[in-house]
Amino acid sequence: MTNKQIGKQGEELAKNFLIKNGYEILETNYRYSRMAEIDIIASKKDILHFVEVKTRQSKNFGTPIEAINQSKLNNIYTCAKFYLKNSKKHYKKIQIDAIGIVLNRNQKIKIDFIENIELN
């Protein structure tokens, strides 16, 4: 399986996880520019969530969440500002969240969900 296929599978698992936990999926793969993309935009209880999804087949090189660096968060923030500027709906609160998924070869799936990641 290619990295792109692994990423797509992870995003699908993340969407299902969010839906199962009461989120409404508004957008997937929302793009502001070549460098700025948000994997999932969802809402729950008047909060708008910009969700970054990272998927790995193992933790050999660290957890998926550890792969989200400050530069990536800055790109998400830039894209989120663009989305909000063009959105007709207003939300009481917005936040950036992360979902890390590990897909083991024995088909065990581990999902970590971290809410409200802050920019430094």
N, C-alpha and C. Protein backbone atom coordinates (compact mmCIF):
# COMPACT_ATOMS: atom_id res chain seq x y z
N MET A 1 0.84 -1.18 0.00
CA MET A 1 0.00 0.00 0.00
C MET A 1 0.89 1.25 0.00
N THR A 2 0.57 2.21 -0.86
CA THR A 2 1.36 3.43 -0.94
C THR A 2 1.02 4.37 0.22
N ASN A 3 1.89 5.36 0.44
CA ASN A 3 1.62 6.35 1.49
C ASN A 3 0.32 7.09 1.24
N LYS A 4 0.03 7.39 -0.02
CA LYS A 4 -1.21 8.09 -0.37
C LYS A 4 -2.43 7.22 -0.01
N GLN A 5 -2.36 5.93 -0.31
CA GLN A 5 -3.46 5.01 0.02
C GLN A 5 -3.63 4.90 1.54
N ILE A 6 -2.51 4.84 2.26
CA ILE A 6 -2.56 4.76 3.72
C ILE A 6 -3.21 6.03 4.28
N GLY A 7 -2.83 7.19 3.73
CA GLY A 7 -3.41 8.46 4.15
C GLY A 7 -4.91 8.52 3.90
N LYS A 8 -5.34 8.08 2.73
CA LYS A 8 -6.78 8.08 2.39
C LYS A 8 -7.55 7.14 3.32
N GLN A 9 -6.99 5.98 3.59
CA GLN A 9 -7.63 5.04 4.50
C GLN A 9 -7.75 5.66 5.90
N GLY A 10 -6.70 6.32 6.34
CA GLY A 10 -6.71 6.98 7.65
C GLY A 10 -7.76 8.08 7.72
N GLU A 11 -7.87 8.87 6.66
CA GLU A 11 -8.86 9.94 6.64
C GLU A 11 -10.28 9.38 6.69
N GLU A 12 -10.50 8.27 6.02
CA GLU A 12 -11.83 7.63 6.05
C GLU A 12 -12.14 7.11 7.46
N LEU A 13 -11.15 6.49 8.10
CA LEU A 13 -11.33 6.02 9.48
C LEU A 13 -11.59 7.20 10.42
N ALA A 14 -10.88 8.30 10.22
CA ALA A 14 -11.05 9.48 11.05
C ALA A 14 -12.45 10.07 10.87
N LYS A 15 -12.92 10.15 9.64
CA LYS A 15 -14.28 10.64 9.38
C LYS A 15 -15.30 9.79 10.12
N ASN A 16 -15.17 8.47 10.00
CA ASN A 16 -16.11 7.56 10.66
C ASN A 16 -16.04 7.71 12.18
N PHE A 17 -14.84 7.89 12.71
CA PHE A 17 -14.65 8.11 14.14
C PHE A 17 -15.39 9.37 14.60
N LEU A 18 -15.22 10.45 13.84
CA LEU A 18 -15.87 11.70 14.20
C LEU A 18 -17.39 11.59 14.12
N ILE A 19 -17.89 11.00 13.06
CA ILE A 19 -19.35 10.83 12.90
C ILE A 19 -19.91 10.01 14.06
N LYS A 20 -19.23 8.94 14.39
CA LYS A 20 -19.65 8.07 15.49
C LYS A 20 -19.69 8.82 16.82
N ASN A 21 -18.86 9.87 16.94
CA ASN A 21 -18.79 10.65 18.17
C ASN A 21 -19.58 11.96 18.08
N GLY A 22 -20.53 12.04 17.16
CA GLY A 22 -21.46 13.15 17.11
C GLY A 22 -21.05 14.37 16.31
N TYR A 23 -20.01 14.27 15.50
CA TYR A 23 -19.56 15.39 14.67
C TYR A 23 -20.27 15.34 13.32
N GLU A 24 -20.51 16.52 12.76
CA GLU A 24 -21.02 16.63 11.40
C GLU A 24 -19.85 17.00 10.50
N ILE A 25 -19.61 16.22 9.48
CA ILE A 25 -18.51 16.49 8.55
C ILE A 25 -18.98 17.54 7.55
N LEU A 26 -18.26 18.66 7.49
CA LEU A 26 -18.62 19.75 6.58
C LEU A 26 -17.80 19.73 5.30
N GLU A 27 -16.52 19.42 5.43
CA GLU A 27 -15.61 19.41 4.27
C GLU A 27 -14.52 18.37 4.51
N THR A 28 -14.00 17.83 3.43
CA THR A 28 -12.80 17.00 3.51
C THR A 28 -11.81 17.52 2.49
N ASN A 29 -10.55 17.45 2.85
CA ASN A 29 -9.45 17.90 1.98
C ASN A 29 -9.69 19.31 1.45
N TYR A 30 -10.02 20.21 2.36
CA TYR A 30 -10.26 21.61 2.01
C TYR A 30 -8.91 22.29 1.78
N ARG A 31 -8.76 22.87 0.60
CA ARG A 31 -7.47 23.40 0.19
C ARG A 31 -7.51 24.92 0.02
N TYR A 32 -6.55 25.59 0.61
CA TYR A 32 -6.36 27.03 0.44
C TYR A 32 -5.30 27.28 -0.62
N SER A 33 -4.25 26.52 -0.57
CA SER A 33 -3.15 26.65 -1.53
C SER A 33 -2.51 25.27 -1.67
N ARG A 34 -1.47 25.23 -2.44
CA ARG A 34 -0.75 23.96 -2.62
C ARG A 34 -0.19 23.44 -1.30
N MET A 35 0.16 24.35 -0.40
CA MET A 35 0.78 23.97 0.87
C MET A 35 -0.20 23.91 2.03
N ALA A 36 -1.36 24.53 1.91
CA ALA A 36 -2.28 24.62 3.05
C ALA A 36 -3.56 23.85 2.76
N GLU A 37 -3.74 22.77 3.50
CA GLU A 37 -4.93 21.93 3.34
C GLU A 37 -5.37 21.47 4.73
N ILE A 38 -6.67 21.36 4.89
CA ILE A 38 -7.23 20.80 6.11
C ILE A 38 -7.90 19.49 5.74
N ASP A 39 -7.51 18.43 6.44
CA ASP A 39 -8.03 17.10 6.11
C ASP A 39 -9.54 17.00 6.32
N ILE A 40 -10.02 17.45 7.48
CA ILE A 40 -11.45 17.38 7.79
C ILE A 40 -11.87 18.65 8.51
N ILE A 41 -12.98 19.21 8.06
CA ILE A 41 -13.63 20.31 8.78
C ILE A 41 -14.95 19.75 9.27
N ALA A 42 -15.18 19.84 10.57
CA ALA A 42 -16.38 19.26 11.17
C ALA A 42 -16.94 20.22 12.21
N SER A 43 -18.20 20.00 12.58
CA SER A 43 -18.79 20.81 13.63
C SER A 43 -19.48 19.91 14.65
N LYS A 44 -19.52 20.43 15.87
CA LYS A 44 -20.22 19.75 16.96
C LYS A 44 -20.53 20.80 18.03
N LYS A 45 -21.79 20.92 18.36
CA LYS A 45 -22.23 21.85 19.41
C LYS A 45 -21.68 23.27 19.21
N ASP A 46 -21.91 23.85 18.06
CA ASP A 46 -21.49 25.23 17.75
C ASP A 46 -19.98 25.45 17.79
N ILE A 47 -19.20 24.37 17.75
CA ILE A 47 -17.75 24.49 17.66
C ILE A 47 -17.32 23.98 16.29
N LEU A 48 -16.50 24.76 15.62
CA LEU A 48 -15.96 24.36 14.32
C LEU A 48 -14.59 23.74 14.54
N HIS A 49 -14.40 22.53 14.05
CA HIS A 49 -13.16 21.77 14.25
C HIS A 49 -12.42 21.62 12.92
N PHE A 50 -11.17 22.05 12.93
CA PHE A 50 -10.27 21.83 11.81
C PHE A 50 -9.37 20.67 12.22
N VAL A 51 -9.50 19.54 11.53
CA VAL A 51 -8.87 18.30 11.99
C VAL A 51 -7.76 17.86 11.04
N GLU A 52 -6.58 17.70 11.60
CA GLU A 52 -5.43 17.14 10.87
C GLU A 52 -5.37 15.65 11.17
N VAL A 53 -5.24 14.84 10.14
CA VAL A 53 -5.18 13.39 10.29
C VAL A 53 -3.82 12.90 9.84
N LYS A 54 -3.16 12.14 10.69
CA LYS A 54 -1.88 11.51 10.34
C LYS A 54 -2.01 10.02 10.56
N THR A 55 -1.60 9.25 9.56
CA THR A 55 -1.72 7.79 9.61
C THR A 55 -0.37 7.15 9.36
N ARG A 56 -0.07 6.16 10.13
CA ARG A 56 1.18 5.41 10.00
C ARG A 56 0.88 3.91 10.09
N GLN A 57 1.80 3.09 9.60
CA GLN A 57 1.65 1.64 9.73
C GLN A 57 2.35 1.11 10.97
N SER A 58 3.16 1.93 11.59
CA SER A 58 3.83 1.52 12.83
C SER A 58 4.27 2.78 13.57
N LYS A 59 4.78 2.58 14.76
CA LYS A 59 5.32 3.70 15.54
C LYS A 59 6.85 3.71 15.51
N ASN A 60 7.43 3.02 14.55
CA ASN A 60 8.89 2.92 14.45
C ASN A 60 9.58 4.28 14.37
N PHE A 61 8.93 5.24 13.75
CA PHE A 61 9.52 6.58 13.61
C PHE A 61 8.73 7.60 14.42
N GLY A 62 8.10 7.16 15.50
CA GLY A 62 7.30 8.04 16.35
C GLY A 62 5.82 7.87 16.07
N THR A 63 5.02 8.48 16.92
CA THR A 63 3.57 8.38 16.74
C THR A 63 3.12 9.30 15.61
N PRO A 64 1.96 9.03 15.04
CA PRO A 64 1.46 9.93 13.98
C PRO A 64 1.31 11.37 14.47
N ILE A 65 0.84 11.55 15.70
CA ILE A 65 0.64 12.89 16.25
C ILE A 65 1.97 13.65 16.31
N GLU A 66 3.06 12.96 16.61
CA GLU A 66 4.37 13.60 16.68
C GLU A 66 4.82 14.16 15.33
N ALA A 67 4.21 13.70 14.25
CA ALA A 67 4.56 14.17 12.92
C ALA A 67 3.94 15.53 12.60
N ILE A 68 3.07 16.02 13.47
CA ILE A 68 2.45 17.32 13.26
C ILE A 68 3.34 18.39 13.90
N ASN A 69 4.00 19.15 13.05
CA ASN A 69 4.95 20.15 13.55
C ASN A 69 4.35 21.56 13.49
N GLN A 70 5.10 22.52 13.97
CA GLN A 70 4.62 23.91 14.00
C GLN A 70 4.32 24.45 12.61
N SER A 71 5.13 24.09 11.64
CA SER A 71 4.91 24.54 10.27
C SER A 71 3.57 24.04 9.74
N LYS A 72 3.27 22.78 10.01
CA LYS A 72 2.00 22.20 9.58
C LYS A 72 0.83 22.92 10.27
N LEU A 73 0.96 23.18 11.56
CA LEU A 73 -0.09 23.90 12.29
C LEU A 73 -0.29 25.31 11.73
N ASN A 74 0.80 25.96 11.37
CA ASN A 74 0.69 27.29 10.77
C ASN A 74 -0.08 27.23 9.45
N ASN A 75 0.18 26.21 8.64
CA ASN A 75 -0.53 26.05 7.37
C ASN A 75 -2.02 25.79 7.61
N ILE A 76 -2.34 24.98 8.61
CA ILE A 76 -3.74 24.71 8.94
C ILE A 76 -4.42 26.00 9.39
N TYR A 77 -3.73 26.77 10.23
CA TYR A 77 -4.27 28.03 10.72
C TYR A 77 -4.57 28.99 9.56
N THR A 78 -3.65 29.09 8.62
CA THR A 78 -3.83 29.95 7.44
C THR A 78 -5.05 29.49 6.64
N CYS A 79 -5.15 28.21 6.42
CA CYS A 79 -6.28 27.65 5.67
C CYS A 79 -7.59 27.86 6.42
N ALA A 80 -7.56 27.71 7.74
CA ALA A 80 -8.75 27.90 8.57
C ALA A 80 -9.24 29.35 8.47
N LYS A 81 -8.33 30.31 8.49
CA LYS A 81 -8.71 31.72 8.36
C LYS A 81 -9.40 31.97 7.02
N PHE A 82 -8.89 31.37 5.97
CA PHE A 82 -9.49 31.50 4.64
C PHE A 82 -10.89 30.89 4.63
N TYR A 83 -11.04 29.71 5.24
CA TYR A 83 -12.34 29.05 5.30
C TYR A 83 -13.35 29.93 6.04
N LEU A 84 -12.95 30.47 7.19
CA LEU A 84 -13.84 31.30 7.99
C LEU A 84 -14.25 32.58 7.26
N LYS A 85 -13.30 33.16 6.55
CA LYS A 85 -13.58 34.38 5.78
C LYS A 85 -14.64 34.14 4.72
N ASN A 86 -14.67 32.94 4.17
CA ASN A 86 -15.60 32.61 3.09
C ASN A 86 -16.82 31.83 3.54
N SER A 87 -16.94 31.58 4.82
CA SER A 87 -18.07 30.82 5.36
C SER A 87 -19.24 31.74 5.67
N LYS A 88 -20.43 31.28 5.39
CA LYS A 88 -21.63 32.07 5.68
C LYS A 88 -22.08 31.86 7.13
N LYS A 89 -21.70 30.76 7.72
CA LYS A 89 -22.11 30.46 9.09
C LYS A 89 -21.05 30.93 10.08
N HIS A 90 -21.51 31.40 11.23
CA HIS A 90 -20.59 31.83 12.28
C HIS A 90 -20.66 30.85 13.43
N TYR A 91 -19.51 30.55 14.00
CA TYR A 91 -19.41 29.58 15.09
C TYR A 91 -18.97 30.28 16.36
N LYS A 92 -19.43 29.77 17.50
CA LYS A 92 -19.06 30.36 18.79
C LYS A 92 -17.59 30.15 19.09
N LYS A 93 -17.06 29.03 18.63
CA LYS A 93 -15.67 28.70 18.93
C LYS A 93 -15.10 27.89 17.77
N ILE A 94 -13.80 28.05 17.54
CA ILE A 94 -13.11 27.20 16.57
C ILE A 94 -11.91 26.58 17.25
N GLN A 95 -11.48 25.44 16.73
CA GLN A 95 -10.27 24.83 17.27
C GLN A 95 -9.64 23.90 16.24
N ILE A 96 -8.35 23.67 16.44
CA ILE A 96 -7.61 22.71 15.62
C ILE A 96 -7.43 21.45 16.44
N ASP A 97 -7.81 20.32 15.85
CA ASP A 97 -7.69 19.02 16.49
C ASP A 97 -6.79 18.12 15.65
N ALA A 98 -6.36 17.02 16.24
CA ALA A 98 -5.53 16.06 15.50
C ALA A 98 -6.01 14.64 15.79
N ILE A 99 -6.00 13.84 14.75
CA ILE A 99 -6.28 12.41 14.89
C ILE A 99 -5.08 11.66 14.36
N GLY A 100 -4.50 10.82 15.22
CA GLY A 100 -3.38 9.97 14.83
C GLY A 100 -3.86 8.53 14.75
N ILE A 101 -3.56 7.88 13.65
CA ILE A 101 -4.01 6.51 13.43
C ILE A 101 -2.82 5.62 13.11
N VAL A 102 -2.75 4.49 13.80
CA VAL A 102 -1.74 3.48 13.49
C VAL A 102 -2.47 2.25 12.96
N LEU A 103 -2.11 1.85 11.74
CA LEU A 103 -2.68 0.66 11.10
C LEU A 103 -1.63 -0.44 11.15
N ASN A 104 -1.78 -1.36 12.06
CA ASN A 104 -0.81 -2.46 12.16
C ASN A 104 -1.05 -3.48 11.07
N ARG A 105 -0.03 -4.26 10.78
CA ARG A 105 -0.16 -5.30 9.75
C ARG A 105 -1.19 -6.36 10.13
N ASN A 106 -1.41 -6.56 11.42
CA ASN A 106 -2.38 -7.56 11.86
C ASN A 106 -3.79 -6.97 11.96
N GLN A 107 -4.00 -5.82 11.25
CA GLN A 107 -5.30 -5.17 11.12
C GLN A 107 -5.83 -4.53 12.40
N LYS A 108 -4.97 -4.38 13.41
CA LYS A 108 -5.40 -3.65 14.61
C LYS A 108 -5.24 -2.16 14.32
N ILE A 109 -6.27 -1.41 14.68
CA ILE A 109 -6.28 0.03 14.44
C ILE A 109 -6.28 0.75 15.77
N LYS A 110 -5.36 1.71 15.92
CA LYS A 110 -5.32 2.53 17.13
C LYS A 110 -5.54 3.98 16.72
N ILE A 111 -6.54 4.61 17.35
CA ILE A 111 -6.87 6.00 17.04
C ILE A 111 -6.66 6.86 18.28
N ASP A 112 -5.86 7.91 18.13
CA ASP A 112 -5.66 8.90 19.18
C ASP A 112 -6.28 10.21 18.70
N PHE A 113 -7.08 10.84 19.57
CA PHE A 113 -7.74 12.09 19.23
C PHE A 113 -7.32 13.15 20.24
N ILE A 114 -6.70 14.21 19.73
CA ILE A 114 -6.26 15.30 20.60
C ILE A 114 -7.01 16.55 20.16
N GLU A 115 -7.75 17.13 21.08
CA GLU A 115 -8.55 18.31 20.77
C GLU A 115 -7.82 19.60 21.16
N ASN A 116 -8.11 20.62 20.38
CA ASN A 116 -7.69 21.98 20.68
C ASN A 116 -6.18 22.16 20.79
N ILE A 117 -5.48 21.80 19.75
CA ILE A 117 -4.04 22.01 19.69
C ILE A 117 -3.79 23.51 19.56
N GLU A 118 -2.86 24.01 20.31
CA GLU A 118 -2.58 25.46 20.28
C GLU A 118 -1.34 25.75 19.49
N LEU A 119 -1.35 26.91 18.83
CA LEU A 119 -0.18 27.40 18.11
C LEU A 119 0.73 28.13 19.08
N ASN A 120 2.02 27.99 18.87
CA ASN A 120 2.98 28.72 19.71
C ASN A 120 3.31 30.07 19.13
